[in-house]
N, C-alpha and C. Protein backbone atom coordinates (compact mmCIF):
# COMPACT_ATOMS: atom_id res chain seq x y z
N MET A 1 69.73 21.78 115.27
CA MET A 1 69.16 23.01 115.75
C MET A 1 69.57 23.16 117.34
N ALA A 2 70.80 23.54 117.52
CA ALA A 2 71.33 23.56 118.82
C ALA A 2 71.59 25.03 119.22
N GLY A 3 70.95 26.07 118.69
CA GLY A 3 71.22 27.41 119.15
C GLY A 3 70.86 27.63 120.52
N GLN A 4 71.84 28.29 121.31
CA GLN A 4 71.65 28.56 122.56
C GLN A 4 71.80 30.16 122.81
N PHE A 5 70.97 30.65 123.67
CA PHE A 5 71.23 32.13 124.01
C PHE A 5 72.25 32.36 125.02
N GLU A 6 72.82 33.48 124.84
CA GLU A 6 73.97 33.82 125.82
C GLU A 6 73.74 35.25 126.23
N ALA A 7 74.11 35.75 127.34
CA ALA A 7 73.94 37.10 127.80
C ALA A 7 74.83 38.10 127.00
N VAL A 8 74.43 39.27 126.91
CA VAL A 8 75.21 40.37 126.30
C VAL A 8 75.12 41.59 127.17
N PRO A 9 76.12 42.44 127.14
CA PRO A 9 75.98 43.75 127.96
C PRO A 9 74.84 44.47 127.65
N GLY A 10 74.16 44.98 128.75
CA GLY A 10 73.03 45.76 128.75
C GLY A 10 71.80 44.97 129.00
N GLY A 11 71.88 43.76 129.46
CA GLY A 11 70.69 42.87 129.81
C GLY A 11 70.11 42.13 128.62
N GLY A 12 70.60 42.22 127.45
CA GLY A 12 70.00 41.51 126.31
C GLY A 12 70.52 40.11 126.23
N ALA A 13 70.30 39.54 124.96
CA ALA A 13 70.75 38.18 124.82
C ALA A 13 71.19 38.08 123.33
N ALA A 14 71.87 37.08 122.90
CA ALA A 14 72.34 36.67 121.66
C ALA A 14 72.20 35.29 121.35
N VAL A 15 72.02 34.89 119.99
CA VAL A 15 71.90 33.52 119.64
C VAL A 15 72.37 33.44 118.20
N ALA A 16 73.00 32.32 117.83
CA ALA A 16 73.35 32.21 116.50
C ALA A 16 72.37 31.05 115.83
N LEU A 17 71.78 31.49 114.80
CA LEU A 17 70.74 30.61 114.01
C LEU A 17 71.08 30.48 112.68
N ASP A 18 70.84 29.37 112.02
CA ASP A 18 71.12 29.31 110.65
C ASP A 18 69.83 29.69 109.91
N GLU A 19 69.87 29.60 108.52
CA GLU A 19 68.70 30.11 107.73
C GLU A 19 67.63 29.19 107.88
N VAL A 20 67.73 28.08 108.07
CA VAL A 20 66.51 27.02 108.21
C VAL A 20 65.83 27.34 109.57
N GLU A 21 66.61 27.59 110.56
CA GLU A 21 66.01 27.79 111.87
C GLU A 21 65.29 29.16 111.89
N MET A 22 66.00 30.18 111.24
CA MET A 22 65.33 31.42 111.21
C MET A 22 64.01 31.33 110.31
N SER A 23 63.99 30.66 109.34
CA SER A 23 62.78 30.50 108.47
C SER A 23 61.71 29.77 109.30
N ILE A 24 62.01 28.77 110.02
CA ILE A 24 61.06 27.98 110.81
C ILE A 24 60.41 28.90 111.89
N LEU A 25 61.34 29.59 112.69
CA LEU A 25 60.86 30.57 113.59
C LEU A 25 59.87 31.59 113.07
N ARG A 26 60.31 32.20 111.90
CA ARG A 26 59.45 33.32 111.38
C ARG A 26 58.19 32.62 110.92
N SER A 27 58.13 31.50 110.27
CA SER A 27 56.83 30.96 109.82
C SER A 27 56.03 30.58 110.96
N LEU A 28 56.46 30.05 112.05
CA LEU A 28 55.68 29.85 113.24
C LEU A 28 55.11 31.03 113.83
N ALA A 29 55.94 32.12 113.89
CA ALA A 29 55.64 33.41 114.49
C ALA A 29 54.29 34.03 113.69
N VAL A 30 54.42 33.88 112.39
CA VAL A 30 53.45 34.35 111.51
C VAL A 30 52.18 33.75 111.70
N GLN A 31 52.19 32.33 111.72
CA GLN A 31 51.05 31.51 112.00
C GLN A 31 50.41 31.84 113.33
N LEU A 32 51.24 32.16 114.41
CA LEU A 32 50.72 32.71 115.73
C LEU A 32 49.95 33.79 115.71
N LEU A 33 50.49 34.81 114.76
CA LEU A 33 49.74 36.15 114.70
C LEU A 33 48.54 35.90 113.89
N GLU A 34 48.37 34.96 112.99
CA GLU A 34 47.20 34.61 112.36
C GLU A 34 46.13 34.05 113.25
N LEU A 35 46.69 33.15 114.16
CA LEU A 35 45.83 32.60 115.26
C LEU A 35 45.34 33.47 116.22
N VAL A 36 46.10 34.40 116.65
CA VAL A 36 45.75 35.40 117.72
C VAL A 36 44.84 36.39 117.07
N GLY A 37 45.00 36.78 115.94
CA GLY A 37 44.06 37.59 115.14
C GLY A 37 44.57 39.08 115.15
N PRO A 38 43.95 39.88 114.23
CA PRO A 38 44.44 41.22 114.14
C PRO A 38 43.81 42.03 115.36
N GLY A 39 44.53 43.20 115.48
CA GLY A 39 43.94 44.07 116.60
C GLY A 39 42.82 44.88 116.08
N GLU A 40 41.99 45.34 117.03
CA GLU A 40 40.76 46.14 116.61
C GLU A 40 41.26 47.59 116.32
N GLU A 41 40.85 48.03 115.07
CA GLU A 41 41.17 49.28 114.68
C GLU A 41 40.04 50.22 115.10
N PRO A 42 40.38 51.50 115.47
CA PRO A 42 39.54 52.52 115.98
C PRO A 42 38.55 52.90 114.77
N VAL A 43 37.30 53.09 114.93
CA VAL A 43 36.36 53.49 113.95
C VAL A 43 36.65 54.88 113.42
N ASP A 44 36.53 55.26 112.28
CA ASP A 44 36.94 56.53 111.79
C ASP A 44 36.18 57.64 112.61
N GLY A 45 36.87 58.62 113.05
CA GLY A 45 36.33 59.64 113.85
C GLY A 45 36.26 59.38 115.38
N GLU A 46 36.47 58.12 115.82
CA GLU A 46 36.46 57.68 117.17
C GLU A 46 37.71 57.94 117.90
N ASP A 47 37.60 58.46 119.12
CA ASP A 47 38.86 58.58 119.92
C ASP A 47 39.64 57.45 120.03
N PRO A 48 40.99 57.27 119.61
CA PRO A 48 41.70 56.06 119.72
C PRO A 48 41.78 55.61 121.11
N LEU A 49 41.69 56.48 122.15
CA LEU A 49 41.76 56.04 123.50
C LEU A 49 40.65 55.15 123.95
N ALA A 50 39.57 55.32 123.07
CA ALA A 50 38.41 54.48 123.39
C ALA A 50 38.69 53.02 123.32
N SER A 51 39.52 52.65 122.45
CA SER A 51 39.79 51.15 122.40
C SER A 51 40.42 50.65 123.55
N LEU A 52 41.13 51.50 124.33
CA LEU A 52 41.72 50.94 125.49
C LEU A 52 40.75 50.48 126.54
N PHE A 53 39.46 50.97 126.52
CA PHE A 53 38.43 50.59 127.40
C PHE A 53 37.32 49.84 126.82
N ALA A 54 37.59 49.24 125.62
CA ALA A 54 36.67 48.45 124.87
C ALA A 54 36.53 47.08 125.72
N GLU A 55 35.38 46.59 125.73
CA GLU A 55 35.30 45.22 126.41
C GLU A 55 35.55 44.17 125.45
N GLY A 56 36.19 43.13 125.83
CA GLY A 56 36.45 41.91 125.18
C GLY A 56 35.37 40.89 125.21
N PRO A 57 35.61 39.55 124.74
CA PRO A 57 34.77 38.62 124.87
C PRO A 57 34.65 38.00 126.35
N SER A 58 33.48 37.59 126.72
CA SER A 58 33.21 37.01 127.94
C SER A 58 33.41 35.49 128.08
N LYS A 59 33.36 34.81 126.94
CA LYS A 59 33.56 33.34 126.90
C LYS A 59 34.87 32.83 126.37
N PRO A 60 35.46 31.83 126.74
CA PRO A 60 36.57 31.28 126.33
C PRO A 60 36.55 30.91 124.83
N PRO A 61 37.72 30.99 124.11
CA PRO A 61 37.72 30.68 122.63
C PRO A 61 37.37 29.12 122.40
N ASP A 62 36.79 28.82 121.22
CA ASP A 62 36.43 27.42 120.89
C ASP A 62 37.71 26.71 120.56
N ASP A 63 38.62 27.32 119.95
CA ASP A 63 39.87 26.68 119.52
C ASP A 63 40.60 26.30 120.73
N PRO A 64 40.95 24.99 120.91
CA PRO A 64 41.88 24.55 122.07
C PRO A 64 43.08 25.36 122.35
N ALA A 65 43.76 25.66 121.17
CA ALA A 65 45.18 26.41 121.25
C ALA A 65 44.88 27.82 121.76
N LEU A 66 43.88 28.53 121.32
CA LEU A 66 43.56 29.75 121.87
C LEU A 66 43.03 29.66 123.26
N ALA A 67 42.26 28.69 123.56
CA ALA A 67 41.82 28.63 124.95
C ALA A 67 43.07 28.21 125.90
N ARG A 68 44.08 27.71 125.39
CA ARG A 68 45.40 27.50 126.22
C ARG A 68 46.08 28.78 126.36
N LEU A 69 45.98 29.63 125.25
CA LEU A 69 46.69 30.94 125.32
C LEU A 69 45.92 31.91 126.24
N PHE A 70 44.57 31.89 126.25
CA PHE A 70 43.77 32.68 126.95
C PHE A 70 42.83 31.91 128.03
N PRO A 71 43.48 31.33 129.05
CA PRO A 71 42.61 30.50 129.81
C PRO A 71 41.75 31.25 130.77
N ASP A 72 40.74 30.58 131.42
CA ASP A 72 39.94 31.32 132.38
C ASP A 72 40.90 31.49 133.67
N ALA A 73 40.58 32.81 134.10
CA ALA A 73 41.52 33.06 135.20
C ALA A 73 41.02 32.37 136.53
N TYR A 74 39.77 32.00 136.73
CA TYR A 74 39.36 31.38 137.97
C TYR A 74 38.85 29.91 137.74
N GLY A 75 39.14 29.45 136.57
CA GLY A 75 38.73 28.03 136.22
C GLY A 75 37.32 27.83 136.23
N ASP A 76 36.80 26.50 136.38
CA ASP A 76 35.39 26.16 136.32
C ASP A 76 34.75 26.50 137.66
N GLU A 77 35.58 26.80 138.74
CA GLU A 77 34.86 26.98 139.95
C GLU A 77 34.20 28.33 140.02
N GLU A 78 34.62 29.28 139.39
CA GLU A 78 34.03 30.65 139.52
C GLU A 78 33.76 31.13 138.09
N PRO A 79 32.77 30.64 137.41
CA PRO A 79 32.62 31.03 136.02
C PRO A 79 32.35 32.44 135.77
N ASP A 80 31.52 33.03 136.68
CA ASP A 80 31.14 34.44 136.57
C ASP A 80 32.29 35.37 136.68
N PHE A 81 33.17 35.05 137.71
CA PHE A 81 34.44 35.83 137.93
C PHE A 81 35.30 35.69 136.69
N SER A 82 35.26 34.51 136.14
CA SER A 82 36.29 34.37 135.05
C SER A 82 35.70 35.06 133.78
N SER A 83 34.36 35.12 133.60
CA SER A 83 33.81 35.82 132.59
C SER A 83 34.11 37.37 132.61
N GLU A 84 33.89 37.83 133.78
CA GLU A 84 34.17 39.26 134.00
C GLU A 84 35.61 39.62 133.70
N PHE A 85 36.45 38.80 134.29
CA PHE A 85 37.88 38.98 134.21
C PHE A 85 38.29 39.05 132.75
N ARG A 86 37.76 38.09 132.03
CA ARG A 86 38.11 37.91 130.48
C ARG A 86 37.82 39.23 129.71
N ARG A 87 36.47 39.64 130.11
CA ARG A 87 35.93 40.87 129.39
C ARG A 87 36.81 42.08 129.37
N PHE A 88 37.54 42.27 130.50
CA PHE A 88 38.36 43.55 130.67
C PHE A 88 39.75 43.15 130.49
N THR A 89 40.30 41.96 130.24
CA THR A 89 41.68 41.72 130.11
C THR A 89 42.09 41.01 128.79
N GLU A 90 41.17 40.34 128.05
CA GLU A 90 41.67 39.39 126.91
C GLU A 90 42.15 40.43 125.69
N ASN A 91 41.43 41.60 125.45
CA ASN A 91 41.85 42.39 124.37
C ASN A 91 43.33 42.77 124.65
N ASP A 92 43.62 43.13 125.95
CA ASP A 92 45.03 43.66 126.18
C ASP A 92 45.99 42.51 126.10
N LEU A 93 45.64 41.33 126.46
CA LEU A 93 46.40 40.26 126.48
C LEU A 93 46.69 39.77 125.07
N ARG A 94 45.66 39.84 124.15
CA ARG A 94 45.99 39.64 122.73
C ARG A 94 46.85 40.51 122.11
N ALA A 95 46.71 41.90 122.52
CA ALA A 95 47.61 42.86 121.94
C ALA A 95 49.17 42.62 122.29
N ARG A 96 49.25 42.12 123.67
CA ARG A 96 50.71 41.87 124.06
C ARG A 96 51.28 40.71 123.32
N LYS A 97 50.41 39.58 123.13
CA LYS A 97 50.90 38.48 122.36
C LYS A 97 51.22 38.81 121.00
N ARG A 98 50.45 39.65 120.29
CA ARG A 98 50.71 40.13 118.95
C ARG A 98 52.11 40.95 119.03
N GLU A 99 52.19 41.70 120.01
CA GLU A 99 53.41 42.50 120.15
C GLU A 99 54.72 41.62 120.22
N ASP A 100 54.48 40.59 120.96
CA ASP A 100 55.78 39.66 121.17
C ASP A 100 56.07 38.97 119.87
N ALA A 101 55.09 38.52 119.18
CA ALA A 101 55.21 37.75 117.97
C ALA A 101 55.82 38.68 116.82
N LEU A 102 55.23 39.89 116.78
CA LEU A 102 55.84 40.81 115.78
C LEU A 102 57.20 41.20 116.10
N ALA A 103 57.62 41.42 117.30
CA ALA A 103 59.01 41.64 117.66
C ALA A 103 59.95 40.55 117.25
N LEU A 104 59.51 39.33 117.23
CA LEU A 104 60.32 38.27 116.95
C LEU A 104 60.57 38.22 115.38
N VAL A 105 59.37 38.38 114.65
CA VAL A 105 59.44 38.46 113.22
C VAL A 105 60.27 39.74 112.81
N ARG A 106 60.14 40.87 113.37
CA ARG A 106 60.90 42.12 113.06
C ARG A 106 62.52 41.86 113.29
N THR A 107 62.84 41.25 114.37
CA THR A 107 64.28 41.09 114.56
C THR A 107 64.84 40.05 113.69
N LEU A 108 64.08 38.99 113.32
CA LEU A 108 64.58 37.93 112.34
C LEU A 108 64.80 38.66 110.89
N ASP A 109 63.77 39.51 110.59
CA ASP A 109 63.83 40.16 109.29
C ASP A 109 65.06 41.21 109.28
N GLU A 110 65.22 41.87 110.29
CA GLU A 110 66.39 42.77 110.35
C GLU A 110 67.66 42.19 110.30
N ALA A 111 67.78 40.93 111.07
CA ALA A 111 69.05 40.23 111.08
C ALA A 111 69.29 39.66 109.73
N GLY A 112 68.28 39.20 109.11
CA GLY A 112 68.51 38.48 107.70
C GLY A 112 68.88 39.57 106.73
N ALA A 113 68.19 40.84 106.73
CA ALA A 113 68.74 41.92 105.84
C ALA A 113 70.09 42.32 105.98
N ALA A 114 70.49 42.34 107.37
CA ALA A 114 71.86 42.83 107.75
C ALA A 114 72.97 41.80 107.20
N ALA A 115 72.55 40.48 107.48
CA ALA A 115 73.36 39.42 106.89
C ALA A 115 73.61 39.55 105.44
N ASP A 116 72.43 39.71 104.81
CA ASP A 116 72.51 39.66 103.26
C ASP A 116 73.51 40.86 102.85
N ALA A 117 73.39 42.04 103.45
CA ALA A 117 74.15 43.10 103.13
C ALA A 117 75.62 42.98 103.47
N ALA A 118 75.78 42.36 104.62
CA ALA A 118 77.21 42.08 104.96
C ALA A 118 77.84 40.91 104.03
N GLY A 119 76.97 40.08 103.55
CA GLY A 119 77.59 39.12 102.64
C GLY A 119 77.92 39.68 101.38
N GLU A 120 77.17 40.65 100.72
CA GLU A 120 77.35 41.20 99.66
C GLU A 120 78.66 42.02 99.81
N ALA A 121 78.79 42.82 100.80
CA ALA A 121 79.87 43.68 101.07
C ALA A 121 81.29 42.82 101.10
N GLY A 122 81.06 41.64 101.82
CA GLY A 122 82.27 40.91 102.06
C GLY A 122 82.66 40.23 100.78
N ALA A 123 81.74 39.73 99.99
CA ALA A 123 82.11 39.12 98.73
C ALA A 123 82.73 40.23 97.86
N ASP A 124 82.13 41.43 97.76
CA ASP A 124 82.72 42.52 96.89
C ASP A 124 84.26 42.92 97.38
N SER A 125 84.50 42.92 98.64
CA SER A 125 85.73 43.15 99.21
C SER A 125 86.71 41.99 98.88
N ALA A 126 86.30 40.73 99.03
CA ALA A 126 87.16 39.69 98.70
C ALA A 126 87.46 39.58 97.28
N HIS A 127 86.58 39.99 96.42
CA HIS A 127 86.81 39.98 94.97
C HIS A 127 87.87 41.06 94.72
N ARG A 128 87.72 42.25 95.21
CA ARG A 128 88.74 43.27 95.01
C ARG A 128 90.12 42.91 95.48
N LYS A 129 90.25 42.21 96.65
CA LYS A 129 91.50 41.78 97.18
C LYS A 129 92.05 40.59 96.70
N GLY A 130 91.22 39.78 95.82
CA GLY A 130 91.66 38.70 95.29
C GLY A 130 91.66 37.48 96.27
N ARG A 131 90.95 37.56 97.42
CA ARG A 131 90.95 36.37 98.37
C ARG A 131 89.48 36.28 98.96
N ARG A 132 89.28 35.15 99.58
CA ARG A 132 88.06 34.95 100.15
C ARG A 132 88.07 35.36 101.55
N LYS A 133 87.03 36.26 101.83
CA LYS A 133 86.83 36.75 103.38
C LYS A 133 86.52 35.54 104.32
N ARG A 134 87.26 35.62 105.41
CA ARG A 134 87.03 34.57 106.41
C ARG A 134 85.78 34.96 107.14
N ALA A 135 84.93 33.95 107.45
CA ALA A 135 83.72 34.20 108.11
C ALA A 135 83.90 33.91 109.69
N ALA A 136 83.28 34.54 110.52
CA ALA A 136 83.44 34.21 111.97
C ALA A 136 82.44 33.19 112.30
N LEU A 137 81.33 33.04 111.65
CA LEU A 137 80.37 31.98 111.87
C LEU A 137 80.17 31.18 110.58
N PRO A 138 79.74 29.95 110.76
CA PRO A 138 79.56 29.02 109.57
C PRO A 138 78.62 29.81 108.56
N GLU A 139 78.88 29.49 107.39
CA GLU A 139 78.07 30.11 106.28
C GLU A 139 76.64 29.86 106.41
N GLY A 140 75.83 30.85 106.20
CA GLY A 140 74.43 30.67 106.36
C GLY A 140 73.96 30.86 107.81
N THR A 141 74.82 31.02 108.85
CA THR A 141 74.47 31.33 110.18
C THR A 141 74.54 32.77 110.47
N VAL A 142 73.62 33.20 111.25
CA VAL A 142 73.44 34.72 111.70
C VAL A 142 73.55 34.70 113.15
N ARG A 143 74.21 35.71 113.68
CA ARG A 143 74.18 35.97 115.13
C ARG A 143 73.14 37.11 115.29
N LEU A 144 72.02 36.80 116.19
CA LEU A 144 71.09 37.69 116.45
C LEU A 144 71.22 38.29 117.73
N THR A 145 71.46 39.54 117.92
CA THR A 145 71.62 40.31 119.31
C THR A 145 70.39 41.08 119.58
N LEU A 146 69.70 40.63 120.66
CA LEU A 146 68.54 41.11 121.11
C LEU A 146 68.74 42.20 122.31
N SER A 147 68.03 43.28 122.16
CA SER A 147 67.93 44.26 123.49
C SER A 147 67.18 43.43 124.47
N ALA A 148 67.34 44.09 125.66
CA ALA A 148 66.62 43.55 126.81
C ALA A 148 64.99 43.53 126.51
N ASP A 149 64.51 44.55 125.94
CA ASP A 149 63.04 44.56 125.65
C ASP A 149 62.75 43.48 124.64
N ASP A 150 63.56 43.41 123.50
CA ASP A 150 63.31 42.38 122.43
C ASP A 150 63.51 40.95 123.15
N SER A 151 64.37 40.81 124.10
CA SER A 151 64.56 39.54 124.66
C SER A 151 63.21 38.97 125.48
N ARG A 152 62.60 40.00 126.11
CA ARG A 152 61.36 39.71 126.87
C ARG A 152 60.28 39.37 125.86
N HIS A 153 60.22 40.14 124.68
CA HIS A 153 59.22 39.77 123.67
C HIS A 153 59.50 38.45 123.15
N TRP A 154 60.61 38.04 122.81
CA TRP A 154 61.05 36.73 122.30
C TRP A 154 60.57 35.68 123.36
N LEU A 155 60.93 35.84 124.61
CA LEU A 155 60.43 34.85 125.70
C LEU A 155 59.07 34.58 125.69
N GLY A 156 58.16 35.68 125.52
CA GLY A 156 56.83 35.63 125.56
C GLY A 156 56.29 34.93 124.18
N ALA A 157 56.86 35.27 123.08
CA ALA A 157 56.58 34.69 121.85
C ALA A 157 56.94 33.06 121.90
N LEU A 158 58.14 32.80 122.38
CA LEU A 158 58.60 31.30 122.33
C LEU A 158 57.55 30.56 123.31
N ASN A 159 57.20 31.15 124.40
CA ASN A 159 56.26 30.47 125.37
C ASN A 159 54.89 30.22 124.57
N ASP A 160 54.44 31.18 123.86
CA ASP A 160 53.09 31.05 123.26
C ASP A 160 53.20 30.09 122.13
N LEU A 161 54.23 29.91 121.32
CA LEU A 161 54.50 29.05 120.35
C LEU A 161 54.56 27.51 120.93
N ARG A 162 55.23 27.42 122.00
CA ARG A 162 55.32 26.08 122.73
C ARG A 162 53.83 25.64 123.15
N LEU A 163 53.13 26.59 123.83
CA LEU A 163 51.79 26.27 124.32
C LEU A 163 50.94 25.85 123.09
N THR A 164 50.92 26.52 122.00
CA THR A 164 50.11 26.35 120.74
C THR A 164 50.38 24.92 120.23
N ILE A 165 51.68 24.67 120.01
CA ILE A 165 52.17 23.53 119.40
C ILE A 165 51.81 22.31 120.45
N GLY A 166 52.15 22.44 121.69
CA GLY A 166 51.85 21.40 122.67
C GLY A 166 50.31 21.08 122.59
N THR A 167 49.50 22.09 122.52
CA THR A 167 48.03 21.80 122.46
C THR A 167 47.67 21.06 121.27
N ARG A 168 48.22 21.44 120.07
CA ARG A 168 47.97 20.65 118.91
C ARG A 168 48.35 19.22 119.08
N LEU A 169 49.56 19.12 119.63
CA LEU A 169 50.12 17.75 119.72
C LEU A 169 49.49 16.90 120.99
N ASP A 170 48.66 17.62 121.78
CA ASP A 170 47.99 17.06 122.93
C ASP A 170 49.20 16.53 123.88
N VAL A 171 50.22 17.44 124.10
CA VAL A 171 51.28 16.96 124.90
C VAL A 171 50.91 16.91 126.40
N SER A 172 51.38 15.78 127.14
CA SER A 172 51.21 15.83 128.59
C SER A 172 52.62 16.06 129.22
N ASP A 173 52.55 16.19 130.48
CA ASP A 173 53.75 16.33 131.37
C ASP A 173 54.77 15.13 131.14
N GLU A 174 54.30 14.04 131.13
CA GLU A 174 54.96 12.83 130.91
C GLU A 174 55.62 12.70 129.53
N ASP A 175 55.06 13.26 128.61
CA ASP A 175 55.54 13.29 127.23
C ASP A 175 56.84 14.08 127.09
N GLU A 176 56.89 15.17 128.05
CA GLU A 176 58.13 15.93 127.97
C GLU A 176 59.31 15.41 128.59
N THR A 177 59.18 14.41 129.20
CA THR A 177 60.44 13.88 129.95
C THR A 177 61.15 13.05 128.88
N GLU A 178 62.48 12.83 129.11
CA GLU A 178 63.35 12.13 128.12
C GLU A 178 62.79 10.72 127.91
N ASN A 179 62.17 10.17 128.87
CA ASN A 179 61.60 8.74 128.64
C ASN A 179 60.22 8.80 128.09
N GLY A 180 59.67 10.08 127.73
CA GLY A 180 58.26 10.03 127.37
C GLY A 180 58.16 9.81 125.83
N GLY A 181 56.94 9.77 125.37
CA GLY A 181 56.70 9.43 123.98
C GLY A 181 57.23 10.44 123.01
N LEU A 182 57.40 11.71 123.23
CA LEU A 182 57.89 12.60 122.20
C LEU A 182 59.31 12.25 121.74
N TYR A 183 60.10 11.57 122.68
CA TYR A 183 61.59 11.42 122.25
C TYR A 183 61.64 9.99 121.58
N ARG A 184 60.62 9.32 121.63
CA ARG A 184 60.57 7.83 120.91
C ARG A 184 59.82 7.80 119.62
N LEU A 185 59.43 8.87 119.15
CA LEU A 185 58.50 8.68 117.90
C LEU A 185 59.40 8.25 116.82
N PRO A 186 58.81 7.39 115.96
CA PRO A 186 59.61 6.90 114.86
C PRO A 186 59.73 7.88 113.82
N ASP A 187 60.75 7.84 112.96
CA ASP A 187 60.85 8.91 111.90
C ASP A 187 59.74 9.02 110.91
N ASP A 188 58.97 7.97 110.77
CA ASP A 188 57.92 8.10 109.66
C ASP A 188 56.64 8.57 110.41
N ASP A 189 56.69 8.87 111.68
CA ASP A 189 55.43 9.44 112.37
C ASP A 189 55.15 10.89 111.78
N PRO A 190 53.95 11.11 111.34
CA PRO A 190 53.71 12.43 110.68
C PRO A 190 53.88 13.55 111.76
N ARG A 191 53.74 13.26 113.01
CA ARG A 191 53.95 14.37 114.06
C ARG A 191 55.32 14.80 114.25
N LYS A 192 56.34 13.90 113.73
CA LYS A 192 57.79 14.01 114.20
C LYS A 192 58.21 15.54 113.81
N PRO A 193 58.11 16.06 112.75
CA PRO A 193 58.58 17.40 112.48
C PRO A 193 58.04 18.53 113.48
N MET A 194 56.85 18.39 113.72
CA MET A 194 56.19 19.33 114.73
C MET A 194 56.77 19.17 116.10
N VAL A 195 56.95 17.87 116.58
CA VAL A 195 57.56 17.49 117.77
C VAL A 195 58.97 18.00 117.90
N MET A 196 59.78 17.86 116.79
CA MET A 196 61.08 18.34 116.81
C MET A 196 61.17 19.80 117.09
N ALA A 197 60.18 20.64 116.44
CA ALA A 197 60.04 22.05 116.56
C ALA A 197 59.85 22.33 117.91
N TYR A 198 58.81 21.57 118.45
CA TYR A 198 58.26 21.76 119.86
C TYR A 198 59.54 21.64 120.80
N LEU A 199 60.26 20.55 120.66
CA LEU A 199 61.40 20.40 121.66
C LEU A 199 62.46 21.44 121.47
N TRP A 200 62.75 21.91 120.13
CA TRP A 200 63.67 22.78 119.95
C TRP A 200 63.30 24.19 120.57
N LEU A 201 62.07 24.47 120.34
CA LEU A 201 61.60 25.76 120.96
C LEU A 201 61.70 25.75 122.50
N GLY A 202 61.46 24.59 123.15
CA GLY A 202 61.72 24.52 124.52
C GLY A 202 63.11 24.68 124.93
N ALA A 203 64.08 24.16 124.19
CA ALA A 203 65.48 24.34 124.50
C ALA A 203 65.83 25.83 124.37
N LEU A 204 65.27 26.56 123.24
CA LEU A 204 65.64 27.91 123.14
C LEU A 204 65.07 28.66 124.29
N GLN A 205 63.71 28.43 124.66
CA GLN A 205 63.22 29.19 125.79
C GLN A 205 63.95 29.07 127.05
N GLU A 206 64.39 27.81 127.26
CA GLU A 206 65.14 27.44 128.70
C GLU A 206 66.35 28.19 128.67
N THR A 207 67.13 28.27 127.57
CA THR A 207 68.33 29.04 127.51
C THR A 207 68.13 30.49 127.69
N LEU A 208 67.01 30.98 127.00
CA LEU A 208 66.77 32.40 127.15
C LEU A 208 66.37 32.83 128.46
N VAL A 209 65.63 31.98 129.23
CA VAL A 209 65.21 32.10 130.67
C VAL A 209 66.49 32.19 131.47
N GLU A 210 67.37 31.28 131.29
CA GLU A 210 68.71 31.27 132.08
C GLU A 210 69.47 32.52 131.83
N THR A 211 69.52 32.93 130.60
CA THR A 211 70.19 34.18 130.31
C THR A 211 69.64 35.40 131.00
N LEU A 212 68.42 35.56 131.02
CA LEU A 212 67.72 36.76 131.62
C LEU A 212 67.64 36.75 133.13
N MET A 213 68.09 35.66 133.66
CA MET A 213 67.84 35.57 135.27
C MET A 213 69.01 36.37 135.78
N PRO A 214 68.67 37.00 136.88
CA PRO A 214 69.71 37.96 137.49
C PRO A 214 70.75 37.16 138.19
């Protein structure tokens, strides 16, 4: 899983991912959407704009991963300020995180559908011409080209995924160094698949950040 983002004209980014990588990303993003939760739907007959001014929760979530995604703004030193800040910001923050994850899922689905259509067209053309069409990328690999807006959504979603997985793994700063425990887990450790996903997401996030830097 060595996909790296590269810049494209217009401020976007592109990355080549294989079918397994796309499936893992999509599955993780869907799980993130389930964790963050659905948005609040306006009550029948209620002004939709009213939801923009609805108050959110005043206490941090009990789930450690959600608490990491929605931390107290002022920490333990100013609990009253943190409570007030959360009430008027958490709903909007949740909506933005859902939007980021949905954008990631949408672009993966669109790229997968386009690749399937191109594969069918290429196979049909090759059959008619009596030869196999040459592929620009390895079989099963798709090049995703993101707009500038989608790149920012992906960056947000990748960050949220890493925070969530890191919390589940109880990752420390030392663990993330090359000499840390994450890089030395034995293959039979049950955490190994999730650790590999965590490190891979970090590499994707890092190259996307570098791509979007002016």
